[in-house]
């Protein structure tokens, strides 16, 4: 079986903004956590519902629990479609392993977010398990749902760290930034 190279892009999309504002978010030059287009929730209690299959449920729940336990956010679960929805699926070789879709108001208040994992990209970096890589992807997409952009910290908001297999949880600066904001 031939091995083929895959380019994995971690992307963020915004629903309801002009096409000029739709972009794949690149790494920010700062070491500090940065905010994506100043998007934010107006409350620290954000209800999460997962539509995740049993295949990636454990990594999704670990990612939610790490944000919940390390930050001032309150992230209760729900059995219905609510503030943030987690999804997984095999969406094929589309170039993204994770995708966060944010619904903001004109003032930047986040009203809803979808965090998606593309199971098509199942190879894990640096010999880590697939579940470990999925947890890092969910961690990053949830960070985007809270308003964080990519950064150069050692945490999951650094796409290079996830791809290198060195991060699947938020960095201390990501946690501090969330706690300062919420």
N, C-alpha and C. Protein backbone atom coordinates (compact mmCIF):
# COMPACT_ATOMS: atom_id res chain seq x y z
N UNK A 1 0.83 -1.17 0.00
CA UNK A 1 0.00 0.00 0.00
C UNK A 1 0.89 1.24 0.00
N UNK A 2 0.66 2.13 -0.92
CA UNK A 2 1.47 3.35 -1.02
C UNK A 2 1.07 4.33 0.07
N UNK A 3 2.07 5.00 0.60
CA UNK A 3 1.80 6.04 1.59
C UNK A 3 1.71 7.36 0.87
N UNK A 4 0.69 8.13 1.18
CA UNK A 4 0.59 9.43 0.53
C UNK A 4 0.67 10.53 1.58
N UNK A 5 1.22 11.62 1.18
CA UNK A 5 1.38 12.76 2.07
C UNK A 5 0.06 13.50 2.18
N UNK A 6 -0.26 13.97 3.38
CA UNK A 6 -1.48 14.73 3.60
C UNK A 6 -1.13 16.07 4.20
N UNK A 7 -1.71 17.10 3.66
CA UNK A 7 -1.56 18.44 4.21
C UNK A 7 -2.78 18.68 5.09
N UNK A 8 -2.56 18.92 6.37
CA UNK A 8 -3.65 19.13 7.30
C UNK A 8 -3.74 20.61 7.63
N UNK A 9 -4.91 21.18 7.43
CA UNK A 9 -5.14 22.58 7.73
C UNK A 9 -6.15 22.65 8.86
N UNK A 10 -5.85 23.42 9.88
CA UNK A 10 -6.80 23.67 10.95
C UNK A 10 -7.46 25.00 10.61
N UNK A 11 -8.75 24.97 10.33
CA UNK A 11 -9.42 26.15 9.80
C UNK A 11 -10.51 26.64 10.72
N UNK A 12 -10.81 27.90 10.59
CA UNK A 12 -11.91 28.52 11.31
C UNK A 12 -12.78 29.24 10.29
N UNK A 13 -14.08 29.08 10.38
CA UNK A 13 -14.96 29.82 9.49
C UNK A 13 -15.94 30.62 10.32
N UNK A 14 -16.45 31.67 9.74
CA UNK A 14 -17.41 32.53 10.40
C UNK A 14 -18.65 32.60 9.54
N UNK A 15 -19.81 32.40 10.16
CA UNK A 15 -21.07 32.45 9.45
C UNK A 15 -21.67 33.84 9.64
N UNK A 16 -22.16 34.43 8.57
CA UNK A 16 -22.86 35.69 8.67
C UNK A 16 -21.99 36.92 8.47
N UNK A 17 -20.72 36.76 8.18
CA UNK A 17 -19.87 37.91 7.90
C UNK A 17 -19.58 37.99 6.41
N UNK A 18 -19.13 39.14 5.97
CA UNK A 18 -18.81 39.32 4.56
C UNK A 18 -17.73 38.34 4.13
N UNK A 19 -17.74 37.97 2.87
CA UNK A 19 -16.79 36.99 2.35
C UNK A 19 -15.35 37.42 2.60
N UNK A 20 -15.09 38.71 2.63
CA UNK A 20 -13.72 39.19 2.87
C UNK A 20 -13.22 38.80 4.26
N UNK A 21 -14.13 38.54 5.18
CA UNK A 21 -13.74 38.18 6.53
C UNK A 21 -13.59 36.67 6.73
N UNK A 22 -13.93 35.89 5.74
CA UNK A 22 -13.79 34.44 5.86
C UNK A 22 -12.35 34.09 5.55
N UNK A 23 -11.72 33.39 6.46
CA UNK A 23 -10.30 33.11 6.24
C UNK A 23 -9.87 31.90 7.04
N UNK A 24 -8.83 31.25 6.56
CA UNK A 24 -8.14 30.26 7.36
C UNK A 24 -7.23 31.06 8.27
N UNK A 25 -7.35 30.83 9.55
CA UNK A 25 -6.57 31.60 10.51
C UNK A 25 -5.16 31.06 10.56
N UNK A 26 -4.19 31.90 10.38
CA UNK A 26 -2.79 31.49 10.44
C UNK A 26 -2.23 31.73 11.82
N UNK A 27 -0.99 31.35 12.02
CA UNK A 27 -0.37 31.56 13.31
C UNK A 27 -0.08 33.03 13.52
N UNK A 28 -0.28 33.49 14.72
CA UNK A 28 -0.04 34.88 15.09
C UNK A 28 1.40 34.99 15.55
N UNK A 29 2.09 36.11 15.29
CA UNK A 29 3.49 36.22 15.65
C UNK A 29 3.76 36.30 17.16
N UNK A 30 2.75 36.50 17.95
CA UNK A 30 2.94 36.66 19.38
C UNK A 30 3.03 35.32 20.10
N UNK A 31 3.75 35.30 21.21
CA UNK A 31 3.78 34.12 22.06
C UNK A 31 2.53 34.06 22.94
N UNK A 32 1.88 35.18 23.14
CA UNK A 32 0.70 35.26 24.01
C UNK A 32 -0.54 34.79 23.28
N UNK A 33 -1.55 34.41 24.06
CA UNK A 33 -2.83 34.07 23.47
C UNK A 33 -3.43 35.33 22.85
N UNK A 34 -4.05 35.16 21.72
CA UNK A 34 -4.66 36.28 21.03
C UNK A 34 -6.12 35.97 20.76
N UNK A 35 -6.88 37.01 20.56
CA UNK A 35 -8.31 36.84 20.31
C UNK A 35 -8.57 36.92 18.81
N UNK A 36 -9.48 36.09 18.36
CA UNK A 36 -9.81 36.04 16.96
C UNK A 36 -10.91 37.06 16.67
N UNK A 37 -10.53 38.12 15.94
CA UNK A 37 -11.47 39.16 15.54
C UNK A 37 -12.27 39.70 16.72
N UNK A 38 -11.72 39.59 17.92
CA UNK A 38 -12.35 40.05 19.17
C UNK A 38 -13.71 39.39 19.43
N UNK A 39 -13.93 38.17 18.89
CA UNK A 39 -15.16 37.44 19.18
C UNK A 39 -15.14 36.98 20.63
N UNK A 40 -16.31 37.00 21.27
CA UNK A 40 -16.41 36.54 22.65
C UNK A 40 -17.85 36.24 23.01
N UNK A 41 -18.00 35.42 24.02
CA UNK A 41 -19.30 35.19 24.64
C UNK A 41 -19.52 36.33 25.63
N UNK A 42 -20.76 36.64 25.94
CA UNK A 42 -21.02 37.67 26.93
C UNK A 42 -21.29 37.07 28.31
N UNK A 43 -21.06 35.77 28.41
CA UNK A 43 -21.28 35.09 29.69
C UNK A 43 -20.27 33.95 29.83
N UNK A 44 -19.90 33.61 31.07
CA UNK A 44 -18.94 32.53 31.25
C UNK A 44 -19.56 31.13 31.24
N UNK A 45 -20.89 31.01 31.33
CA UNK A 45 -21.53 29.70 31.33
C UNK A 45 -21.96 29.40 29.90
N UNK A 46 -21.32 28.43 29.29
CA UNK A 46 -21.57 28.09 27.89
C UNK A 46 -21.97 26.62 27.85
N UNK A 47 -23.17 26.34 27.38
CA UNK A 47 -23.69 24.98 27.38
C UNK A 47 -23.21 24.25 26.12
N UNK A 48 -22.69 23.05 26.32
CA UNK A 48 -22.13 22.26 25.22
C UNK A 48 -22.96 21.00 25.02
N UNK A 49 -23.25 20.70 23.76
CA UNK A 49 -23.91 19.45 23.40
C UNK A 49 -23.04 18.75 22.37
N UNK A 50 -22.85 17.47 22.53
CA UNK A 50 -22.04 16.79 21.53
C UNK A 50 -22.88 15.84 20.70
N UNK A 51 -22.59 15.89 19.42
CA UNK A 51 -23.17 14.99 18.43
C UNK A 51 -22.07 14.05 17.96
N UNK A 52 -21.12 13.82 18.83
CA UNK A 52 -19.93 13.06 18.49
C UNK A 52 -20.24 11.57 18.55
N UNK A 53 -19.70 10.83 17.59
CA UNK A 53 -19.89 9.39 17.58
C UNK A 53 -19.10 8.75 18.71
N UNK A 54 -19.40 7.52 19.00
CA UNK A 54 -18.66 6.82 20.06
C UNK A 54 -17.19 6.70 19.70
N UNK A 55 -16.86 6.81 18.41
CA UNK A 55 -15.47 6.70 17.97
C UNK A 55 -14.59 7.77 18.60
N UNK A 56 -15.06 9.01 18.66
CA UNK A 56 -14.22 10.08 19.20
C UNK A 56 -14.83 10.74 20.44
N UNK A 57 -15.77 10.07 21.08
CA UNK A 57 -16.43 10.65 22.25
C UNK A 57 -15.46 10.90 23.40
N UNK A 58 -14.63 9.93 23.75
CA UNK A 58 -13.71 10.10 24.88
C UNK A 58 -12.75 11.27 24.66
N UNK A 59 -12.10 11.42 23.48
CA UNK A 59 -11.24 12.59 23.28
C UNK A 59 -12.02 13.91 23.34
N UNK A 60 -13.24 13.93 22.82
CA UNK A 60 -14.05 15.15 22.87
C UNK A 60 -14.35 15.53 24.31
N UNK A 61 -14.75 14.56 25.11
CA UNK A 61 -15.08 14.84 26.52
C UNK A 61 -13.84 15.26 27.31
N UNK A 62 -12.68 14.66 27.00
CA UNK A 62 -11.45 15.09 27.68
C UNK A 62 -11.11 16.53 27.35
N UNK A 63 -11.30 16.93 26.09
CA UNK A 63 -11.03 18.32 25.69
C UNK A 63 -11.97 19.28 26.41
N UNK A 64 -13.25 18.95 26.46
CA UNK A 64 -14.21 19.79 27.19
C UNK A 64 -13.82 19.87 28.66
N UNK A 65 -13.49 18.72 29.26
CA UNK A 65 -13.17 18.70 30.68
C UNK A 65 -11.91 19.49 31.02
N UNK A 66 -10.92 19.50 30.13
CA UNK A 66 -9.71 20.25 30.43
C UNK A 66 -9.99 21.75 30.41
N UNK A 67 -10.78 22.24 29.45
CA UNK A 67 -11.15 23.66 29.44
C UNK A 67 -12.00 23.98 30.66
N UNK A 68 -12.92 23.08 31.00
CA UNK A 68 -13.82 23.29 32.13
C UNK A 68 -13.06 23.31 33.46
N UNK A 69 -12.10 22.42 33.62
CA UNK A 69 -11.40 22.31 34.90
C UNK A 69 -10.28 23.33 35.06
N UNK A 70 -9.69 23.82 33.96
CA UNK A 70 -8.55 24.72 34.06
C UNK A 70 -8.92 26.20 33.92
N UNK A 71 -10.15 26.49 33.50
CA UNK A 71 -10.53 27.89 33.30
C UNK A 71 -11.72 28.25 34.18
N UNK A 72 -12.07 29.54 34.16
CA UNK A 72 -13.24 30.01 34.90
C UNK A 72 -14.54 29.79 34.14
N UNK A 73 -14.45 29.20 32.95
CA UNK A 73 -15.66 28.89 32.19
C UNK A 73 -16.46 27.81 32.89
N UNK A 74 -17.74 27.85 32.74
CA UNK A 74 -18.61 26.78 33.20
C UNK A 74 -19.18 26.14 31.94
N UNK A 75 -18.87 24.87 31.73
CA UNK A 75 -19.22 24.19 30.49
C UNK A 75 -20.12 22.97 30.73
N UNK A 76 -21.35 23.19 31.18
CA UNK A 76 -22.23 22.05 31.40
C UNK A 76 -22.65 21.41 30.08
N UNK A 77 -22.93 20.14 30.15
CA UNK A 77 -23.42 19.42 28.98
C UNK A 77 -24.92 19.53 28.87
N UNK A 78 -25.44 19.20 27.71
CA UNK A 78 -26.87 19.24 27.47
C UNK A 78 -27.23 18.15 26.48
N UNK A 79 -28.48 17.75 26.50
CA UNK A 79 -28.93 16.73 25.56
C UNK A 79 -29.60 17.35 24.34
N UNK A 80 -29.51 18.67 24.21
CA UNK A 80 -30.09 19.31 23.03
C UNK A 80 -29.10 20.30 22.43
N UNK A 81 -29.38 20.73 21.22
CA UNK A 81 -28.54 21.66 20.47
C UNK A 81 -28.51 23.00 21.22
N UNK A 82 -27.33 23.43 21.66
CA UNK A 82 -27.24 24.62 22.51
C UNK A 82 -26.16 25.57 22.01
N UNK A 83 -25.36 26.15 22.93
CA UNK A 83 -24.37 27.16 22.59
C UNK A 83 -23.26 26.63 21.68
N UNK A 84 -22.58 25.59 22.12
CA UNK A 84 -21.51 24.98 21.33
C UNK A 84 -21.90 23.54 21.04
N UNK A 85 -21.75 23.15 19.79
CA UNK A 85 -22.03 21.77 19.40
C UNK A 85 -20.75 21.14 18.88
N UNK A 86 -20.44 19.95 19.37
CA UNK A 86 -19.29 19.18 18.91
C UNK A 86 -19.77 18.14 17.90
N UNK A 87 -19.04 18.03 16.80
CA UNK A 87 -19.37 17.06 15.76
C UNK A 87 -18.12 16.31 15.35
N UNK A 88 -18.28 15.11 14.87
CA UNK A 88 -17.20 14.42 14.19
C UNK A 88 -17.78 13.74 12.96
N UNK A 89 -16.92 13.36 12.07
CA UNK A 89 -17.35 12.67 10.87
C UNK A 89 -16.16 12.49 9.94
N UNK A 90 -16.37 11.69 8.92
CA UNK A 90 -15.34 11.51 7.89
C UNK A 90 -15.77 12.37 6.71
N UNK A 91 -15.22 13.59 6.64
CA UNK A 91 -15.55 14.53 5.58
C UNK A 91 -14.54 14.47 4.44
N UNK A 92 -13.72 13.43 4.42
CA UNK A 92 -12.80 13.22 3.31
C UNK A 92 -11.59 14.14 3.30
N UNK A 93 -10.80 14.06 2.23
CA UNK A 93 -9.53 14.79 2.15
C UNK A 93 -9.73 16.26 1.76
N UNK A 94 -10.39 17.01 2.63
CA UNK A 94 -10.73 18.40 2.33
C UNK A 94 -9.69 19.40 2.83
N UNK A 95 -8.64 18.92 3.48
CA UNK A 95 -7.58 19.81 3.95
C UNK A 95 -7.69 20.25 5.38
N UNK A 96 -8.79 19.95 6.07
CA UNK A 96 -8.87 20.34 7.47
C UNK A 96 -9.15 19.14 8.37
N UNK A 97 -8.42 19.12 9.48
CA UNK A 97 -8.62 18.10 10.51
C UNK A 97 -9.64 18.60 11.52
N UNK A 98 -9.66 19.90 11.77
CA UNK A 98 -10.60 20.51 12.69
C UNK A 98 -11.14 21.79 12.10
N UNK A 99 -12.40 22.11 12.40
CA UNK A 99 -13.03 23.31 11.88
C UNK A 99 -13.97 23.87 12.93
N UNK A 100 -13.81 25.14 13.26
CA UNK A 100 -14.73 25.83 14.16
C UNK A 100 -15.53 26.82 13.34
N UNK A 101 -16.84 26.75 13.43
CA UNK A 101 -17.72 27.69 12.76
C UNK A 101 -18.40 28.51 13.83
N UNK A 102 -18.21 29.83 13.77
CA UNK A 102 -18.70 30.75 14.80
C UNK A 102 -19.81 31.61 14.22
N UNK A 103 -20.88 31.77 14.98
CA UNK A 103 -21.96 32.68 14.61
C UNK A 103 -21.88 33.89 15.53
N UNK A 104 -21.30 35.00 15.05
CA UNK A 104 -21.22 36.21 15.88
C UNK A 104 -22.29 37.24 15.50
N UNK A 105 -22.58 38.13 16.44
CA UNK A 105 -23.42 39.28 16.12
C UNK A 105 -22.53 40.34 15.49
N UNK A 106 -23.10 41.44 15.08
CA UNK A 106 -22.32 42.53 14.47
C UNK A 106 -21.34 43.14 15.47
N UNK A 107 -21.58 42.95 16.77
CA UNK A 107 -20.68 43.49 17.79
C UNK A 107 -19.63 42.47 18.23
N UNK A 108 -19.64 41.28 17.64
CA UNK A 108 -18.64 40.26 17.96
C UNK A 108 -19.05 39.28 19.03
N UNK A 109 -20.28 39.39 19.56
CA UNK A 109 -20.74 38.43 20.56
C UNK A 109 -21.01 37.09 19.87
N UNK A 110 -20.41 36.05 20.38
CA UNK A 110 -20.64 34.71 19.83
C UNK A 110 -22.00 34.23 20.33
N UNK A 111 -22.83 33.79 19.40
CA UNK A 111 -24.15 33.28 19.77
C UNK A 111 -24.23 31.76 19.63
N UNK A 112 -23.34 31.18 18.84
CA UNK A 112 -23.34 29.73 18.65
C UNK A 112 -22.02 29.35 17.97
N UNK A 113 -21.60 28.13 18.19
CA UNK A 113 -20.37 27.65 17.55
C UNK A 113 -20.47 26.15 17.32
N UNK A 114 -19.93 25.71 16.21
CA UNK A 114 -19.76 24.27 15.94
C UNK A 114 -18.27 23.98 15.93
N UNK A 115 -17.86 22.97 16.66
CA UNK A 115 -16.47 22.49 16.65
C UNK A 115 -16.49 21.11 16.00
N UNK A 116 -15.79 20.97 14.88
CA UNK A 116 -15.84 19.72 14.11
C UNK A 116 -14.48 19.05 14.05
N UNK A 117 -14.50 17.73 14.08
CA UNK A 117 -13.32 16.90 13.89
C UNK A 117 -13.54 16.09 12.62
N UNK A 118 -12.57 16.12 11.72
CA UNK A 118 -12.63 15.32 10.49
C UNK A 118 -11.84 14.03 10.74
N UNK A 119 -12.56 12.92 10.94
CA UNK A 119 -11.90 11.64 11.23
C UNK A 119 -11.15 11.07 10.03
N UNK A 120 -11.29 11.68 8.86
CA UNK A 120 -10.52 11.21 7.70
C UNK A 120 -9.02 11.25 8.01
N UNK A 121 -8.61 12.29 8.74
CA UNK A 121 -7.20 12.44 9.10
C UNK A 121 -6.98 11.72 10.44
N UNK A 122 -6.71 10.43 10.36
CA UNK A 122 -6.60 9.64 11.58
C UNK A 122 -5.17 9.42 12.03
N UNK A 123 -4.20 9.78 11.22
CA UNK A 123 -2.83 9.53 11.65
C UNK A 123 -2.46 10.51 12.76
N UNK A 124 -1.81 10.00 13.76
CA UNK A 124 -1.41 10.83 14.90
C UNK A 124 0.06 11.20 14.76
N UNK A 125 0.43 12.41 15.16
CA UNK A 125 1.82 12.85 15.05
C UNK A 125 2.73 12.21 16.09
N UNK A 126 3.98 12.14 15.77
CA UNK A 126 5.04 11.74 16.71
C UNK A 126 4.73 10.47 17.49
N UNK A 127 4.06 9.54 16.87
CA UNK A 127 3.81 8.26 17.52
C UNK A 127 2.73 8.31 18.59
N UNK A 128 2.04 9.43 18.74
CA UNK A 128 0.95 9.53 19.71
C UNK A 128 -0.24 8.75 19.17
N UNK A 129 -1.20 8.47 20.02
CA UNK A 129 -2.38 7.74 19.57
C UNK A 129 -3.32 8.67 18.81
N UNK A 130 -4.17 8.10 18.01
CA UNK A 130 -5.17 8.88 17.29
C UNK A 130 -6.05 9.63 18.28
N UNK A 131 -6.46 8.99 19.38
CA UNK A 131 -7.29 9.66 20.39
C UNK A 131 -6.59 10.89 20.94
N UNK A 132 -5.28 10.81 21.13
CA UNK A 132 -4.50 11.95 21.62
C UNK A 132 -4.58 13.10 20.62
N UNK A 133 -4.41 12.82 19.33
CA UNK A 133 -4.48 13.85 18.29
C UNK A 133 -5.89 14.42 18.18
N UNK A 134 -6.91 13.57 18.32
CA UNK A 134 -8.28 14.06 18.26
C UNK A 134 -8.57 14.98 19.44
N UNK A 135 -8.06 14.63 20.62
CA UNK A 135 -8.26 15.48 21.79
C UNK A 135 -7.64 16.86 21.54
N UNK A 136 -6.45 16.90 20.96
CA UNK A 136 -5.81 18.17 20.64
C UNK A 136 -6.61 18.98 19.64
N UNK A 137 -7.18 18.30 18.66
CA UNK A 137 -8.00 18.99 17.65
C UNK A 137 -9.26 19.56 18.29
N UNK A 138 -9.95 18.75 19.11
CA UNK A 138 -11.13 19.26 19.81
C UNK A 138 -10.75 20.42 20.73
N UNK A 139 -9.61 20.31 21.41
CA UNK A 139 -9.13 21.37 22.29
C UNK A 139 -8.97 22.68 21.51
N UNK A 140 -8.34 22.61 20.34
CA UNK A 140 -8.14 23.81 19.52
C UNK A 140 -9.47 24.38 19.04
N UNK A 141 -10.35 23.54 18.52
CA UNK A 141 -11.61 24.05 17.98
C UNK A 141 -12.48 24.64 19.08
N UNK A 142 -12.45 24.07 20.27
CA UNK A 142 -13.17 24.67 21.40
C UNK A 142 -12.55 26.02 21.76
N UNK A 143 -11.22 26.10 21.73
CA UNK A 143 -10.56 27.38 21.99
C UNK A 143 -11.04 28.45 21.01
N UNK A 144 -11.19 28.07 19.72
CA UNK A 144 -11.73 29.01 18.74
C UNK A 144 -13.16 29.39 19.10
N UNK A 145 -13.94 28.40 19.57
CA UNK A 145 -15.32 28.69 19.97
C UNK A 145 -15.38 29.67 21.14
N UNK A 146 -14.34 29.73 21.96
CA UNK A 146 -14.29 30.69 23.07
C UNK A 146 -13.72 32.02 22.61
N UNK A 147 -13.24 32.10 21.36
CA UNK A 147 -12.73 33.34 20.81
C UNK A 147 -11.22 33.39 20.63
N UNK A 148 -10.49 32.34 21.00
CA UNK A 148 -9.04 32.34 20.85
C UNK A 148 -8.62 32.09 19.41
N UNK A 149 -7.56 32.75 19.00
CA UNK A 149 -6.95 32.56 17.69
C UNK A 149 -5.79 31.57 17.86
N UNK A 150 -5.16 31.18 16.78
CA UNK A 150 -3.93 30.40 16.87
C UNK A 150 -2.86 31.26 17.51
N UNK A 151 -1.90 30.64 18.16
CA UNK A 151 -0.78 31.38 18.75
C UNK A 151 0.46 30.51 18.71
N UNK A 152 1.52 30.97 19.31
CA UNK A 152 2.79 30.24 19.30
C UNK A 152 3.13 29.65 20.66
N UNK A 153 2.15 29.52 21.53
CA UNK A 153 2.40 28.93 22.84
C UNK A 153 2.60 27.42 22.69
N UNK A 154 2.87 26.77 23.78
CA UNK A 154 3.10 25.33 23.76
C UNK A 154 1.79 24.53 23.82
N UNK A 155 0.65 25.20 23.77
CA UNK A 155 -0.62 24.52 23.94
C UNK A 155 -1.32 24.18 22.64
N UNK A 156 -2.56 23.71 22.79
CA UNK A 156 -3.32 23.22 21.65
C UNK A 156 -3.74 24.31 20.67
N UNK A 157 -3.62 25.58 21.03
CA UNK A 157 -3.97 26.65 20.09
C UNK A 157 -2.85 26.89 19.08
N UNK A 158 -1.75 26.19 19.23
CA UNK A 158 -0.64 26.26 18.29
C UNK A 158 -0.74 25.04 17.37
N UNK A 159 -1.20 25.26 16.13
CA UNK A 159 -1.37 24.15 15.19
C UNK A 159 -0.08 23.38 14.96
N UNK A 160 1.05 24.07 14.99
CA UNK A 160 2.34 23.39 14.82
C UNK A 160 2.63 22.44 15.95
N UNK A 161 2.24 22.81 17.16
CA UNK A 161 2.46 21.94 18.32
C UNK A 161 1.60 20.69 18.22
N UNK A 162 0.36 20.85 17.75
CA UNK A 162 -0.51 19.68 17.57
C UNK A 162 0.08 18.78 16.48
N UNK A 163 0.46 19.39 15.35
CA UNK A 163 1.01 18.59 14.25
C UNK A 163 2.31 17.90 14.63
N UNK A 164 3.08 18.52 15.54
CA UNK A 164 4.33 17.91 15.98
C UNK A 164 4.10 16.88 17.08
N UNK A 165 2.87 16.81 17.58
CA UNK A 165 2.56 15.83 18.63
C UNK A 165 3.02 16.26 20.01
N UNK A 166 3.14 17.59 20.23
CA UNK A 166 3.62 18.05 21.53
C UNK A 166 2.54 18.74 22.35
N UNK A 167 1.32 18.88 21.85
CA UNK A 167 0.27 19.55 22.62
C UNK A 167 -1.10 18.98 22.32
N UNK A 168 -1.87 18.70 23.37
CA UNK A 168 -3.28 18.36 23.19
C UNK A 168 -4.14 19.00 24.27
N UNK A 169 -3.55 19.94 25.02
CA UNK A 169 -4.28 20.69 26.04
C UNK A 169 -3.91 22.17 25.91
N UNK A 170 -4.70 23.06 26.51
CA UNK A 170 -4.37 24.49 26.42
C UNK A 170 -3.10 24.82 27.18
N UNK A 171 -2.40 25.86 26.72
CA UNK A 171 -1.22 26.33 27.44
C UNK A 171 -1.66 27.18 28.63
N UNK A 172 -0.73 27.45 29.52
CA UNK A 172 -1.07 28.30 30.68
C UNK A 172 -1.47 29.70 30.22
N UNK A 173 -0.89 30.20 29.13
CA UNK A 173 -1.29 31.53 28.65
C UNK A 173 -2.69 31.49 28.03
N UNK A 174 -3.08 30.36 27.40
CA UNK A 174 -4.45 30.22 26.90
C UNK A 174 -5.44 30.26 28.06
N UNK A 175 -5.12 29.51 29.12
CA UNK A 175 -5.99 29.46 30.31
C UNK A 175 -6.07 30.84 30.95
N UNK A 176 -4.94 31.52 31.10
CA UNK A 176 -4.93 32.87 31.70
C UNK A 176 -5.76 33.85 30.86
N UNK A 177 -5.63 33.77 29.54
CA UNK A 177 -6.38 34.66 28.67
C UNK A 177 -7.88 34.44 28.82
N UNK A 178 -8.30 33.19 28.86
CA UNK A 178 -9.73 32.88 29.04
C UNK A 178 -10.18 33.41 30.39
N UNK A 179 -9.41 33.18 31.43
CA UNK A 179 -9.81 33.61 32.77
C UNK A 179 -9.87 35.14 32.87
N UNK A 180 -8.98 35.85 32.19
CA UNK A 180 -9.04 37.31 32.19
C UNK A 180 -10.27 37.80 31.45
N UNK A 181 -10.62 37.13 30.38
CA UNK A 181 -11.75 37.60 29.56
C UNK A 181 -13.09 37.24 30.15
N UNK A 182 -13.21 36.06 30.74
CA UNK A 182 -14.51 35.61 31.24
C UNK A 182 -14.55 35.61 32.74
